Every structure is written in structure tokens, then in C-alpha cells.
Amino acid sequence: MAKNTWRVLYVVLWAAVIITVDVLFVRHHVGERLLLNVGMVLVFVVFYLTVLRRR
């Protein structure tokens, strides 16, 4: 049960970071916004697979 709680918190944090960066920095730049979102998703996935999945 604790692993599921950490996974849910990780996904919520992930969504909050992406939405915050979108709104604050790249609101009016469509191309840059897409590239930045894809990059952030890749960073979160790599971090999850290398660090959090081992627990």
C-alpha cells in the first residue's frame, strides 16, 4: 500500500511541475512548450526507472 501511495504522489508532483512550468514560462510559445513538456516527461520517467523503481 505504501508503494502505491508514493507512486500517486509522484504522479501528482509530476503533473504539478509540468503545469506550473507551462503557465509561468512558456504560455504563448507552442513549439517550445511541446518540446519542454516532452523533455520533462522523459526526465521524470528516467528518474522513476532509475531511482524510485528500485524501492
PDB file of N, CA and C in Angstrom:
ATOM      1  N   MET A   1       0.815  -1.197   0.000  1.00  0.00           N
ATOM      2  CA  MET A   1       0.000   0.000   0.000  1.00  0.00           C
ATOM      3  C   MET A   1       0.857   1.260   0.000  1.00  0.00           C
ATOM      4  N   ALA A   2       1.981   1.224   0.699  1.00  0.00           N
ATOM      5  CA  ALA A   2       2.850   2.398   0.763  1.00  0.00           C
ATOM      6  C   ALA A   2       3.480   2.698  -0.593  1.00  0.00           C
ATOM      7  N   LYS A   3       3.804   1.656  -1.372  1.00  0.00           N
ATOM      8  CA  LYS A   3       4.369   1.884  -2.701  1.00  0.00           C
ATOM      9  C   LYS A   3       3.370   2.594  -3.600  1.00  0.00           C
ATOM     10  N   ASN A   4       2.121   2.211  -3.521  1.00  0.00           N
ATOM     11  CA  ASN A   4       1.099   2.857  -4.341  1.00  0.00           C
ATOM     12  C   ASN A   4       0.927   4.316  -3.947  1.00  0.00           C
ATOM     13  N   THR A   5       1.036   4.616  -2.677  1.00  0.00           N
ATOM     14  CA  THR A   5       0.913   5.993  -2.207  1.00  0.00           C
ATOM     15  C   THR A   5       2.047   6.843  -2.772  1.00  0.00           C
ATOM     16  N   TRP A   6       3.270   6.313  -2.746  1.00  0.00           N
ATOM     17  CA  TRP A   6       4.411   7.048  -3.302  1.00  0.00           C
ATOM     18  C   TRP A   6       4.258   7.255  -4.796  1.00  0.00           C
ATOM     19  N   ARG A   7       3.726   6.258  -5.487  1.00  0.00           N
ATOM     20  CA  ARG A   7       3.524   6.399  -6.937  1.00  0.00           C
ATOM     21  C   ARG A   7       2.485   7.465  -7.249  1.00  0.00           C
ATOM     22  N   VAL A   8       1.426   7.499  -6.497  1.00  0.00           N
ATOM     23  CA  VAL A   8       0.394   8.519  -6.708  1.00  0.00           C
ATOM     24  C   VAL A   8       0.951   9.899  -6.414  1.00  0.00           C
ATOM     25  N   LEU A   9       1.687  10.038  -5.333  1.00  0.00           N
ATOM     26  CA  LEU A   9       2.304  11.333  -5.014  1.00  0.00           C
ATOM     27  C   LEU A   9       3.296  11.757  -6.091  1.00  0.00           C
ATOM     28  N   TYR A  10       4.036  10.815  -6.641  1.00  0.00           N
ATOM     29  CA  TYR A  10       4.989  11.118  -7.702  1.00  0.00           C
ATOM     30  C   TYR A  10       4.273  11.634  -8.949  1.00  0.00           C
ATOM     31  N   VAL A  11       3.171  11.001  -9.315  1.00  0.00           N
ATOM     32  CA  VAL A  11       2.408  11.431 -10.491  1.00  0.00           C
ATOM     33  C   VAL A  11       1.789  12.809 -10.257  1.00  0.00           C
ATOM     34  N   VAL A  12       1.295  13.061  -9.064  1.00  0.00           N
ATOM     35  CA  VAL A  12       0.724  14.372  -8.743  1.00  0.00           C
ATOM     36  C   VAL A  12       1.811  15.451  -8.797  1.00  0.00           C
ATOM     37  N   LEU A  13       2.973  15.163  -8.248  1.00  0.00           N
ATOM     38  CA  LEU A  13       4.089  16.108  -8.307  1.00  0.00           C
ATOM     39  C   LEU A  13       4.511  16.354  -9.750  1.00  0.00           C
ATOM     40  N   TRP A  14       4.574  15.301 -10.530  1.00  0.00           N
ATOM     41  CA  TRP A  14       4.932  15.381 -11.933  1.00  0.00           C
ATOM     42  C   TRP A  14       3.970  16.307 -12.686  1.00  0.00           C
ATOM     43  N   ALA A  15       2.692  16.114 -12.500  1.00  0.00           N
ATOM     44  CA  ALA A  15       1.685  16.950 -13.169  1.00  0.00           C
ATOM     45  C   ALA A  15       1.777  18.397 -12.696  1.00  0.00           C
ATOM     46  N   ALA A  16       1.981  18.607 -11.411  1.00  0.00           N
ATOM     47  CA  ALA A  16       2.070  19.965 -10.878  1.00  0.00           C
ATOM     48  C   ALA A  16       3.273  20.713 -11.447  1.00  0.00           C
ATOM     49  N   VAL A  17       4.400  20.044 -11.570  1.00  0.00           N
ATOM     50  CA  VAL A  17       5.592  20.691 -12.125  1.00  0.00           C
ATOM     51  C   VAL A  17       5.370  21.057 -13.583  1.00  0.00           C
ATOM     52  N   ILE A  18       4.825  20.165 -14.362  1.00  0.00           N
ATOM     53  CA  ILE A  18       4.599  20.433 -15.784  1.00  0.00           C
ATOM     54  C   ILE A  18       3.608  21.576 -15.971  1.00  0.00           C
ATOM     55  N   ILE A  19       2.527  21.579 -15.244  1.00  0.00           N
ATOM     56  CA  ILE A  19       1.524  22.637 -15.373  1.00  0.00           C
ATOM     57  C   ILE A  19       2.091  23.979 -14.925  1.00  0.00           C
ATOM     58  N   THR A  20       2.846  23.991 -13.836  1.00  0.00           N
ATOM     59  CA  THR A  20       3.427  25.241 -13.337  1.00  0.00           C
ATOM     60  C   THR A  20       4.413  25.829 -14.343  1.00  0.00           C
ATOM     61  N   VAL A  21       5.280  25.005 -14.894  1.00  0.00           N
ATOM     62  CA  VAL A  21       6.248  25.492 -15.874  1.00  0.00           C
ATOM     63  C   VAL A  21       5.521  25.991 -17.119  1.00  0.00           C
ATOM     64  N   ASP A  22       4.488  25.284 -17.554  1.00  0.00           N
ATOM     65  CA  ASP A  22       3.697  25.729 -18.708  1.00  0.00           C
ATOM     66  C   ASP A  22       3.119  27.115 -18.488  1.00  0.00           C
ATOM     67  N   VAL A  23       2.485  27.294 -17.367  1.00  0.00           N
ATOM     68  CA  VAL A  23       1.789  28.556 -17.098  1.00  0.00           C
ATOM     69  C   VAL A  23       2.773  29.697 -16.880  1.00  0.00           C
ATOM     70  N   LEU A  24       3.849  29.460 -16.171  1.00  0.00           N
ATOM     71  CA  LEU A  24       4.764  30.540 -15.829  1.00  0.00           C
ATOM     72  C   LEU A  24       5.725  30.933 -16.948  1.00  0.00           C
ATOM     73  N   PHE A  25       6.199  29.983 -17.739  1.00  0.00           N
ATOM     74  CA  PHE A  25       7.303  30.280 -18.638  1.00  0.00           C
ATOM     75  C   PHE A  25       6.974  30.193 -20.124  1.00  0.00           C
ATOM     76  N   VAL A  26       6.189  29.251 -20.557  1.00  0.00           N
ATOM     77  CA  VAL A  26       6.007  29.025 -21.997  1.00  0.00           C
ATOM     78  C   VAL A  26       4.542  29.075 -22.423  1.00  0.00           C
ATOM     79  N   ARG A  27       3.794  29.946 -21.833  1.00  0.00           N
ATOM     80  CA  ARG A  27       2.365  30.017 -22.113  1.00  0.00           C
ATOM     81  C   ARG A  27       2.068  30.322 -23.582  1.00  0.00           C
ATOM     82  N   HIS A  28       2.823  31.212 -24.198  1.00  0.00           N
ATOM     83  CA  HIS A  28       2.495  31.676 -25.544  1.00  0.00           C
ATOM     84  C   HIS A  28       3.438  31.132 -26.617  1.00  0.00           C
ATOM     85  N   HIS A  29       4.218  30.128 -26.289  1.00  0.00           N
ATOM     86  CA  HIS A  29       5.173  29.563 -27.238  1.00  0.00           C
ATOM     87  C   HIS A  29       4.837  28.091 -27.446  1.00  0.00           C
ATOM     88  N   VAL A  30       4.085  27.802 -28.508  1.00  0.00           N
ATOM     89  CA  VAL A  30       3.549  26.455 -28.700  1.00  0.00           C
ATOM     90  C   VAL A  30       4.649  25.424 -28.961  1.00  0.00           C
ATOM     91  N   GLY A  31       5.552  25.710 -29.872  1.00  0.00           N
ATOM     92  CA  GLY A  31       6.603  24.744 -30.204  1.00  0.00           C
ATOM     93  C   GLY A  31       7.526  24.462 -29.031  1.00  0.00           C
ATOM     94  N   GLU A  32       7.964  25.533 -28.366  1.00  0.00           N
ATOM     95  CA  GLU A  32       8.839  25.363 -27.217  1.00  0.00           C
ATOM     96  C   GLU A  32       8.120  24.650 -26.074  1.00  0.00           C
ATOM     97  N   ARG A  33       6.845  24.927 -25.945  1.00  0.00           N
ATOM     98  CA  ARG A  33       6.042  24.291 -24.887  1.00  0.00           C
ATOM     99  C   ARG A  33       5.990  22.783 -25.082  1.00  0.00           C
ATOM    100  N   LEU A  34       5.766  22.352 -26.310  1.00  0.00           N
ATOM    101  CA  LEU A  34       5.707  20.925 -26.602  1.00  0.00           C
ATOM    102  C   LEU A  34       7.047  20.252 -26.330  1.00  0.00           C
ATOM    103  N   LEU A  35       8.131  20.857 -26.812  1.00  0.00           N
ATOM    104  CA  LEU A  35       9.453  20.276 -26.584  1.00  0.00           C
ATOM    105  C   LEU A  35       9.797  20.222 -25.099  1.00  0.00           C
ATOM    106  N   LEU A  36       9.473  21.272 -24.370  1.00  0.00           N
ATOM    107  CA  LEU A  36       9.757  21.298 -22.932  1.00  0.00           C
ATOM    108  C   LEU A  36       8.936  20.244 -22.192  1.00  0.00           C
ATOM    109  N   ASN A  37       7.678  20.080 -22.561  1.00  0.00           N
ATOM    110  CA  ASN A  37       6.844  19.065 -21.903  1.00  0.00           C
ATOM    111  C   ASN A  37       7.368  17.653 -22.171  1.00  0.00           C
ATOM    112  N   VAL A  38       7.751  17.387 -23.399  1.00  0.00           N
ATOM    113  CA  VAL A  38       8.295  16.069 -23.727  1.00  0.00           C
ATOM    114  C   VAL A  38       9.592  15.835 -22.956  1.00  0.00           C
ATOM    115  N   GLY A  39      10.437  16.856 -22.887  1.00  0.00           N
ATOM    116  CA  GLY A  39      11.677  16.730 -22.137  1.00  0.00           C
ATOM    117  C   GLY A  39      11.449  16.478 -20.659  1.00  0.00           C
ATOM    118  N   MET A  40      10.503  17.199 -20.066  1.00  0.00           N
ATOM    119  CA  MET A  40      10.220  16.996 -18.641  1.00  0.00           C
ATOM    120  C   MET A  40       9.651  15.609 -18.383  1.00  0.00           C
ATOM    121  N   VAL A  41       8.797  15.124 -19.260  1.00  0.00           N
ATOM    122  CA  VAL A  41       8.255  13.774 -19.094  1.00  0.00           C
ATOM    123  C   VAL A  41       9.379  12.748 -19.162  1.00  0.00           C
ATOM    124  N   LEU A  42      10.293  12.919 -20.105  1.00  0.00           N
ATOM    125  CA  LEU A  42      11.413  11.983 -20.208  1.00  0.00           C
ATOM    126  C   LEU A  42      12.290  12.009 -18.958  1.00  0.00           C
ATOM    127  N   VAL A  43      12.535  13.186 -18.411  1.00  0.00           N
ATOM    128  CA  VAL A  43      13.335  13.290 -17.185  1.00  0.00           C
ATOM    129  C   VAL A  43      12.633  12.581 -16.030  1.00  0.00           C
ATOM    130  N   PHE A  44      11.334  12.799 -15.876  1.00  0.00           N
ATOM    131  CA  PHE A  44      10.596  12.140 -14.804  1.00  0.00           C
ATOM    132  C   PHE A  44      10.577  10.625 -14.985  1.00  0.00           C
ATOM    133  N   VAL A  45      10.434  10.144 -16.220  1.00  0.00           N
ATOM    134  CA  VAL A  45      10.413   8.700 -16.461  1.00  0.00           C
ATOM    135  C   VAL A  45      11.775   8.088 -16.148  1.00  0.00           C
ATOM    136  N   VAL A  46      12.851   8.729 -16.584  1.00  0.00           N
ATOM    137  CA  VAL A  46      14.195   8.209 -16.296  1.00  0.00           C
ATOM    138  C   VAL A  46      14.447   8.197 -14.796  1.00  0.00           C
ATOM    139  N   PHE A  47      14.066   9.264 -14.103  1.00  0.00           N
ATOM    140  CA  PHE A  47      14.241   9.303 -12.647  1.00  0.00           C
ATOM    141  C   PHE A  47      13.445   8.192 -11.979  1.00  0.00           C
ATOM    142  N   TYR A  48      12.223   7.979 -12.429  1.00  0.00           N
ATOM    143  CA  TYR A  48      11.401   6.910 -11.854  1.00  0.00           C
ATOM    144  C   TYR A  48      12.034   5.537 -12.074  1.00  0.00           C
ATOM    145  N   LEU A  49      12.467   5.302 -13.291  1.00  0.00           N
ATOM    146  CA  LEU A  49      13.013   3.976 -13.603  1.00  0.00           C
ATOM    147  C   LEU A  49      14.354   3.722 -12.915  1.00  0.00           C
ATOM    148  N   THR A  50      15.152   4.756 -12.700  1.00  0.00           N
ATOM    149  CA  THR A  50      16.469   4.532 -12.117  1.00  0.00           C
ATOM    150  C   THR A  50      16.461   4.605 -10.595  1.00  0.00           C
ATOM    151  N   VAL A  51      15.638   5.450 -10.000  1.00  0.00           N
ATOM    152  CA  VAL A  51      15.715   5.662  -8.561  1.00  0.00           C
ATOM    153  C   VAL A  51      14.518   5.050  -7.836  1.00  0.00           C
ATOM    154  N   LEU A  52      13.339   5.407  -8.221  1.00  0.00           N
ATOM    155  CA  LEU A  52      12.160   5.020  -7.440  1.00  0.00           C
ATOM    156  C   LEU A  52      11.718   3.591  -7.672  1.00  0.00           C
ATOM    157  N   ARG A  53      12.010   3.022  -8.791  1.00  0.00           N
ATOM    158  CA  ARG A  53      11.558   1.659  -9.069  1.00  0.00           C
ATOM    159  C   ARG A  53      12.333   0.626  -8.245  1.00  0.00           C
ATOM    160  N   ARG A  54      13.527   0.973  -7.795  1.00  0.00           N
ATOM    161  CA  ARG A  54      14.346   0.038  -7.013  1.00  0.00           C
ATOM    162  C   ARG A  54      13.787  -0.213  -5.623  1.00  0.00           C
ATOM    163  N   ARG A  55      12.983   0.687  -5.116  1.00  0.00           N
ATOM    164  CA  ARG A  55      12.456   0.538  -3.752  1.00  0.00           C
ATOM    165  C   ARG A  55      11.427  -0.525  -3.654  1.00  0.00           C
TER     166      ARG A  55
END
